[in-house]
């Protein structure tokens, strides 16, 4: 069960890291500060569970750690954030890299 937690924490950590880059490029300080809290919490959880498993001799945690990172980066890069901004026709605009 701890291996699943490592995977989940790594996925969330990497999604938040990608969002950190987006918010930095958008100069959105408020979202960036809240996002940094989540990054630190996910890093703490991931480190706790992965080091604990490694010290017990369970090296499968390495595979879950790396695969969680890859999946998280993929999801984070394909995540579309819609904003309250609307274009001329009244549709919401995606907040990619402005």
C-alpha atoms as a PDB file:
ATOM      1  CA  UNK A   1       0.000   0.000   0.000  1.00  0.00           C
ATOM      2  CA  UNK A   2       2.905   2.333   0.713  1.00  0.00           C
ATOM      3  CA  UNK A   3       4.143   1.884  -2.840  1.00  0.00           C
ATOM      4  CA  UNK A   4       0.828   3.229  -4.102  1.00  0.00           C
ATOM      5  CA  UNK A   5       1.215   6.238  -1.807  1.00  0.00           C
ATOM      6  CA  UNK A   6       4.689   6.888  -3.232  1.00  0.00           C
ATOM      7  CA  UNK A   7       3.240   6.764  -6.741  1.00  0.00           C
ATOM      8  CA  UNK A   8       0.355   9.125  -5.863  1.00  0.00           C
ATOM      9  CA  UNK A   9       2.601  11.617  -4.079  1.00  0.00           C
ATOM     10  CA  UNK A  10       5.043  11.638  -6.995  1.00  0.00           C
ATOM     11  CA  UNK A  11       2.268  12.183  -9.548  1.00  0.00           C
ATOM     12  CA  UNK A  12       0.851  15.094  -7.567  1.00  0.00           C
ATOM     13  CA  UNK A  13       4.295  16.531  -6.864  1.00  0.00           C
ATOM     14  CA  UNK A  14       5.183  16.635 -10.539  1.00  0.00           C
ATOM     15  CA  UNK A  15       1.824  18.089 -11.555  1.00  0.00           C
ATOM     16  CA  UNK A  16       2.355  20.893  -9.051  1.00  0.00           C
ATOM     17  CA  UNK A  17       5.918  21.443 -10.308  1.00  0.00           C
ATOM     18  CA  UNK A  18       4.663  21.914 -13.868  1.00  0.00           C
ATOM     19  CA  UNK A  19       1.988  24.295 -12.596  1.00  0.00           C
ATOM     20  CA  UNK A  20       4.695  26.200 -10.732  1.00  0.00           C
ATOM     21  CA  UNK A  21       6.443  26.913 -14.018  1.00  0.00           C
ATOM     22  CA  UNK A  22       3.186  28.050 -15.613  1.00  0.00           C
ATOM     23  CA  UNK A  23       2.277  30.356 -12.730  1.00  0.00           C
ATOM     24  CA  UNK A  24       5.794  31.803 -12.710  1.00  0.00           C
ATOM     25  CA  UNK A  25       5.615  32.620 -16.412  1.00  0.00           C
ATOM     26  CA  UNK A  26       2.177  34.181 -15.920  1.00  0.00           C
ATOM     27  CA  UNK A  27       3.455  36.278 -12.974  1.00  0.00           C
ATOM     28  CA  UNK A  28       0.574  34.970 -10.869  1.00  0.00           C
ATOM     29  CA  UNK A  29       2.050  35.326  -7.385  1.00  0.00           C
ATOM     30  CA  UNK A  30      -1.028  34.265  -5.424  1.00  0.00           C
ATOM     31  CA  UNK A  31      -1.413  30.927  -7.235  1.00  0.00           C
ATOM     32  CA  UNK A  32       2.347  30.425  -7.110  1.00  0.00           C
ATOM     33  CA  UNK A  33       2.467  30.784  -3.321  1.00  0.00           C
ATOM     34  CA  UNK A  34      -0.443  28.406  -2.728  1.00  0.00           C
ATOM     35  CA  UNK A  35       1.064  25.967  -5.210  1.00  0.00           C
ATOM     36  CA  UNK A  36       4.403  26.029  -3.383  1.00  0.00           C
ATOM     37  CA  UNK A  37       2.677  24.870  -0.186  1.00  0.00           C
ATOM     38  CA  UNK A  38       1.288  21.853  -2.053  1.00  0.00           C
ATOM     39  CA  UNK A  39       4.684  21.135  -3.616  1.00  0.00           C
ATOM     40  CA  UNK A  40       6.318  21.012  -0.198  1.00  0.00           C
ATOM     41  CA  UNK A  41       3.604  18.763   1.257  1.00  0.00           C
ATOM     42  CA  UNK A  42       3.836  16.320  -1.650  1.00  0.00           C
ATOM     43  CA  UNK A  43       7.633  16.275  -1.452  1.00  0.00           C
ATOM     44  CA  UNK A  44       7.478  15.556   2.260  1.00  0.00           C
ATOM     45  CA  UNK A  45       5.013  12.682   1.823  1.00  0.00           C
ATOM     46  CA  UNK A  46       6.886  11.180  -1.084  1.00  0.00           C
ATOM     47  CA  UNK A  47      10.216  11.342   0.709  1.00  0.00           C
ATOM     48  CA  UNK A  48       8.800   9.873   3.904  1.00  0.00           C
ATOM     49  CA  UNK A  49       7.248   6.825   2.266  1.00  0.00           C
ATOM     50  CA  UNK A  50      10.034   6.170  -0.233  1.00  0.00           C
ATOM     51  CA  UNK A  51      12.916   6.407   2.273  1.00  0.00           C
ATOM     52  CA  UNK A  52      11.001   4.274   4.756  1.00  0.00           C
ATOM     53  CA  UNK A  53      10.526   1.555   2.152  1.00  0.00           C
ATOM     54  CA  UNK A  54      14.146   1.750   1.002  1.00  0.00           C
ATOM     55  CA  UNK A  55      15.398   1.337   4.562  1.00  0.00           C
ATOM     56  CA  UNK A  56      13.241  -1.777   4.873  1.00  0.00           C
ATOM     57  CA  UNK A  57      14.975  -3.186   1.788  1.00  0.00           C
ATOM     58  CA  UNK A  58      12.049  -2.819  -0.608  1.00  0.00           C
ATOM     59  CA  UNK A  59      13.677  -1.647  -3.828  1.00  0.00           C
ATOM     60  CA  UNK A  60      10.406  -1.785  -5.774  1.00  0.00           C
ATOM     61  CA  UNK A  61       9.795   1.703  -4.439  1.00  0.00           C
ATOM     62  CA  UNK A  62      12.305   3.030  -6.992  1.00  0.00           C
ATOM     63  CA  UNK A  63      10.102   1.861  -9.870  1.00  0.00           C
ATOM     64  CA  UNK A  64       6.990   3.422  -8.324  1.00  0.00           C
ATOM     65  CA  UNK A  65       8.882   6.650  -7.609  1.00  0.00           C
ATOM     66  CA  UNK A  66      10.153   7.037 -11.161  1.00  0.00           C
ATOM     67  CA  UNK A  67       6.925   5.942 -12.837  1.00  0.00           C
ATOM     68  CA  UNK A  68       4.960   8.393 -10.662  1.00  0.00           C
ATOM     69  CA  UNK A  69       7.293  11.162 -11.800  1.00  0.00           C
ATOM     70  CA  UNK A  70       6.831  10.330 -15.462  1.00  0.00           C
ATOM     71  CA  UNK A  71       3.042  10.069 -15.201  1.00  0.00           C
ATOM     72  CA  UNK A  72       2.862  13.308 -13.209  1.00  0.00           C
ATOM     73  CA  UNK A  73       4.925  15.233 -15.762  1.00  0.00           C
ATOM     74  CA  UNK A  74       2.761  13.884 -18.576  1.00  0.00           C
ATOM     75  CA  UNK A  75      -0.478  14.864 -16.847  1.00  0.00           C
ATOM     76  CA  UNK A  76       0.918  18.237 -15.845  1.00  0.00           C
ATOM     77  CA  UNK A  77       2.030  19.071 -19.374  1.00  0.00           C
ATOM     78  CA  UNK A  78      -1.357  18.110 -20.826  1.00  0.00           C
ATOM     79  CA  UNK A  79      -3.393  19.836 -18.128  1.00  0.00           C
ATOM     80  CA  UNK A  80      -5.402  22.731 -19.466  1.00  0.00           C
ATOM     81  CA  UNK A  81      -6.305  25.499 -17.069  1.00  0.00           C
ATOM     82  CA  UNK A  82      -9.296  27.565 -18.066  1.00  0.00           C
ATOM     83  CA  UNK A  83      -9.621  31.064 -16.794  1.00  0.00           C
ATOM     84  CA  UNK A  84     -12.399  33.573 -16.380  1.00  0.00           C
ATOM     85  CA  UNK A  85     -11.051  35.497 -19.348  1.00  0.00           C
ATOM     86  CA  UNK A  86     -13.248  35.306 -22.413  1.00  0.00           C
ATOM     87  CA  UNK A  87     -12.427  35.946 -26.021  1.00  0.00           C
ATOM     88  CA  UNK A  88     -14.478  38.101 -28.413  1.00  0.00           C
ATOM     89  CA  UNK A  89     -17.077  35.377 -28.928  1.00  0.00           C
ATOM     90  CA  UNK A  90     -17.643  34.775 -25.195  1.00  0.00           C
ATOM     91  CA  UNK A  91     -15.730  31.500 -24.860  1.00  0.00           C
ATOM     92  CA  UNK A  92     -13.319  30.904 -22.011  1.00  0.00           C
ATOM     93  CA  UNK A  93      -9.675  31.173 -22.960  1.00  0.00           C
ATOM     94  CA  UNK A  94      -7.016  28.645 -21.972  1.00  0.00           C
ATOM     95  CA  UNK A  95      -4.216  29.988 -19.810  1.00  0.00           C
ATOM     96  CA  UNK A  96      -1.204  28.478 -21.445  1.00  0.00           C
ATOM     97  CA  UNK A  97       1.959  30.542 -21.664  1.00  0.00           C
ATOM     98  CA  UNK A  98       1.039  34.181 -22.115  1.00  0.00           C
END
